[in-house]
Protein backbone atom coordinates (compact mmCIF):
# COMPACT_ATOMS: atom_id res chain seq x y z
CA MET A 1 -6.39 -9.38 -0.04
CA LEU A 2 -3.42 -8.71 2.20
CA ASP A 3 -1.72 -11.50 4.11
CA THR A 4 -0.28 -11.19 7.61
CA SER A 5 3.30 -11.27 6.34
CA ILE A 6 2.98 -8.29 4.02
CA ILE A 7 1.26 -6.15 6.66
CA ALA A 8 3.74 -7.15 9.39
CA CYS A 9 6.70 -6.14 7.20
CA SER A 10 5.05 -2.80 6.51
CA LEU A 11 4.28 -2.24 10.19
CA LYS A 12 7.82 -3.11 11.26
CA LYS A 13 9.20 -1.10 8.33
CA GLU A 14 11.35 -4.07 7.25
CA VAL A 15 10.33 -3.66 3.63
CA LYS A 16 8.62 -0.66 2.10
CA ILE A 17 5.45 -1.88 0.42
CA SER A 18 2.92 0.62 -0.84
CA LEU A 19 -0.68 -0.05 -1.70
CA SER A 20 -0.32 2.25 -4.71
CA GLU A 21 2.41 -0.05 -6.05
CA ILE A 22 0.03 -3.00 -5.66
CA SER A 23 -2.69 -1.00 -7.45
CA GLN A 24 -0.31 -0.36 -10.36
CA LEU A 25 0.43 -4.07 -10.63
CA VAL A 26 -3.24 -5.03 -10.89
CA GLY A 27 -4.04 -2.15 -13.23
CA TYR A 28 -6.89 -0.61 -11.24
CA ASN A 29 -7.64 0.74 -7.78
CA PRO A 30 -8.63 -2.39 -5.83
CA LYS A 31 -10.46 -2.66 -2.55
CA PHE A 32 -7.90 -3.80 0.03
CA VAL A 33 -9.13 -6.32 2.59
CA VAL A 34 -7.64 -8.44 5.34
CA LEU A 35 -9.29 -11.33 7.14
CA GLU A 36 -10.00 -11.10 10.84
CA GLU A 37 -7.78 -14.17 11.41
CA CYS A 38 -4.85 -12.23 9.94
CA VAL A 39 -5.55 -9.27 12.22
CA LYS A 40 -5.48 -11.57 15.26
CA GLU A 41 -2.20 -13.06 14.05
CA LEU A 42 -0.79 -9.56 13.48
CA GLN A 43 -1.75 -8.44 16.96
CA LYS A 44 0.24 -11.36 18.39
CA LEU A 45 3.28 -10.68 16.16
CA CYS A 46 3.30 -6.88 16.51
CA LYS A 47 2.27 -6.40 20.12
CA LYS A 48 3.65 -2.87 20.34
CA GLU A 49 2.12 -1.68 17.07
CA PRO A 50 -1.45 -0.36 16.76
CA VAL A 51 -2.56 -2.84 14.08
CA ILE A 52 -6.20 -1.72 13.77
CA ASN A 53 -5.22 1.97 13.52
CA PHE A 54 -2.56 1.16 10.91
CA LEU A 55 -5.04 -0.76 8.75
CA SER A 56 -7.67 1.96 9.15
CA LYS A 57 -5.25 4.68 8.04
CA LEU A 58 -4.43 2.64 4.94
CA GLY A 59 -8.12 2.16 4.15
CA VAL A 60 -7.91 -1.62 4.52
CA GLU A 61 -11.22 -3.26 5.38
CA ILE A 62 -11.25 -6.06 7.95
CA ILE A 63 -13.64 -8.84 7.00
CA GLN A 64 -14.84 -11.91 8.84
CA SER A 65 -14.54 -15.39 7.43
CA GLU A 66 -17.63 -17.47 6.92
CA ARG A 67 -16.16 -20.38 8.88
CA LYS A 68 -13.76 -20.88 11.77
CA HIS A 69 -10.19 -21.71 10.75
CA ALA A 70 -7.21 -23.02 12.69
CA THR A 71 -4.80 -20.60 11.01
CA ALA A 72 -4.83 -17.37 9.04
CA ASP A 73 -3.35 -19.20 6.03
CA GLU A 74 -6.26 -21.67 6.05
CA ALA A 75 -8.70 -18.76 6.15
CA ILE A 76 -6.97 -17.10 3.19
CA LEU A 77 -6.95 -20.33 1.18
CA ASP A 78 -10.63 -20.90 1.92
CA PHE A 79 -11.58 -17.31 1.03
CA ALA A 80 -9.49 -17.43 -2.15
CA ARG A 81 -11.28 -20.63 -3.18
CA SER A 82 -14.68 -18.98 -2.91
CA GLU A 83 -13.97 -15.41 -4.03
CA ARG A 84 -12.14 -13.87 -6.96
CA VAL A 85 -9.24 -12.19 -5.16
CA ILE A 86 -5.60 -11.42 -5.64
CA VAL A 87 -3.56 -12.22 -2.54
CA ALA A 88 -0.51 -10.16 -1.57
CA THR A 89 1.89 -12.18 0.58
CA LEU A 90 5.55 -12.57 1.46
CA ASP A 91 4.97 -16.13 2.70
CA ARG A 92 6.53 -18.49 0.14
CA LYS A 93 4.60 -21.57 1.28
CA LEU A 94 1.26 -19.73 1.11
CA LYS A 95 2.20 -18.25 -2.26
CA ASN A 96 2.91 -21.69 -3.71
CA ARG A 97 -0.34 -23.14 -2.38
CA LEU A 98 -2.32 -20.23 -3.85
CA LEU A 99 -0.59 -20.57 -7.23
CA GLU A 100 -1.41 -24.30 -7.25
CA MET A 101 -5.06 -23.27 -6.81
CA ARG A 102 -4.63 -20.83 -9.74
CA VAL A 103 -5.13 -17.80 -7.48
CA PRO A 104 -3.26 -14.65 -8.58
CA VAL A 105 -0.54 -13.69 -6.08
CA ILE A 106 1.51 -10.53 -5.52
CA TYR A 107 4.84 -11.19 -3.84
CA LEU A 108 8.31 -9.74 -3.46
CA ARG A 109 10.77 -11.12 -6.02
CA ALA A 110 14.40 -11.25 -4.90
CA GLY A 111 13.44 -9.23 -1.84
CA LYS A 112 13.24 -6.08 -3.95
CA LYS A 113 10.37 -5.82 -6.39
CA LEU A 114 6.68 -6.65 -6.13
CA VAL A 115 5.41 -8.85 -8.94
CA LEU A 116 2.03 -10.28 -9.90
CA ASP A 117 1.90 -13.95 -10.82
CA ASP A 118 -1.48 -14.80 -12.35
CA PRO A 119 -1.76 -18.51 -13.14
CA SER A 120 -5.50 -18.12 -13.80
CA HIS A 121 -4.61 -16.80 -17.28
CA LEU A 122 -2.44 -19.78 -18.21
CA ASP A 123 -3.82 -22.38 -20.57
CA LEU A 124 -2.48 -25.65 -19.23
CA SER A 125 -4.25 -27.85 -21.76
CA PHE A 126 -2.04 -29.69 -24.26
């Protein structure tokens, strides 16, 4: 699942992030999805960019949430709770909340390299 922040950076060409690089990190060719709440947020942030066309060209599927959410982050957290997904984000606060929930997260380390942090594989029992 792609978060607003990672798509916005790609749209604005602030940071080059490729879906093939994300695929290499997870070790297979995943289905890329974005929640409708994120698309709405993107359209507000990137008014001059054709968000829907950009996502379509990348092969990213837009999906609707089961419930209404106040923010895109809440929608992502809710979806991640109910589905087995890996979330790609550049939002540090969202990343930390997802990791606390033991959801695997792809993020940019030191502003340079994408990494996968998968706390679901950690054994925290002592």
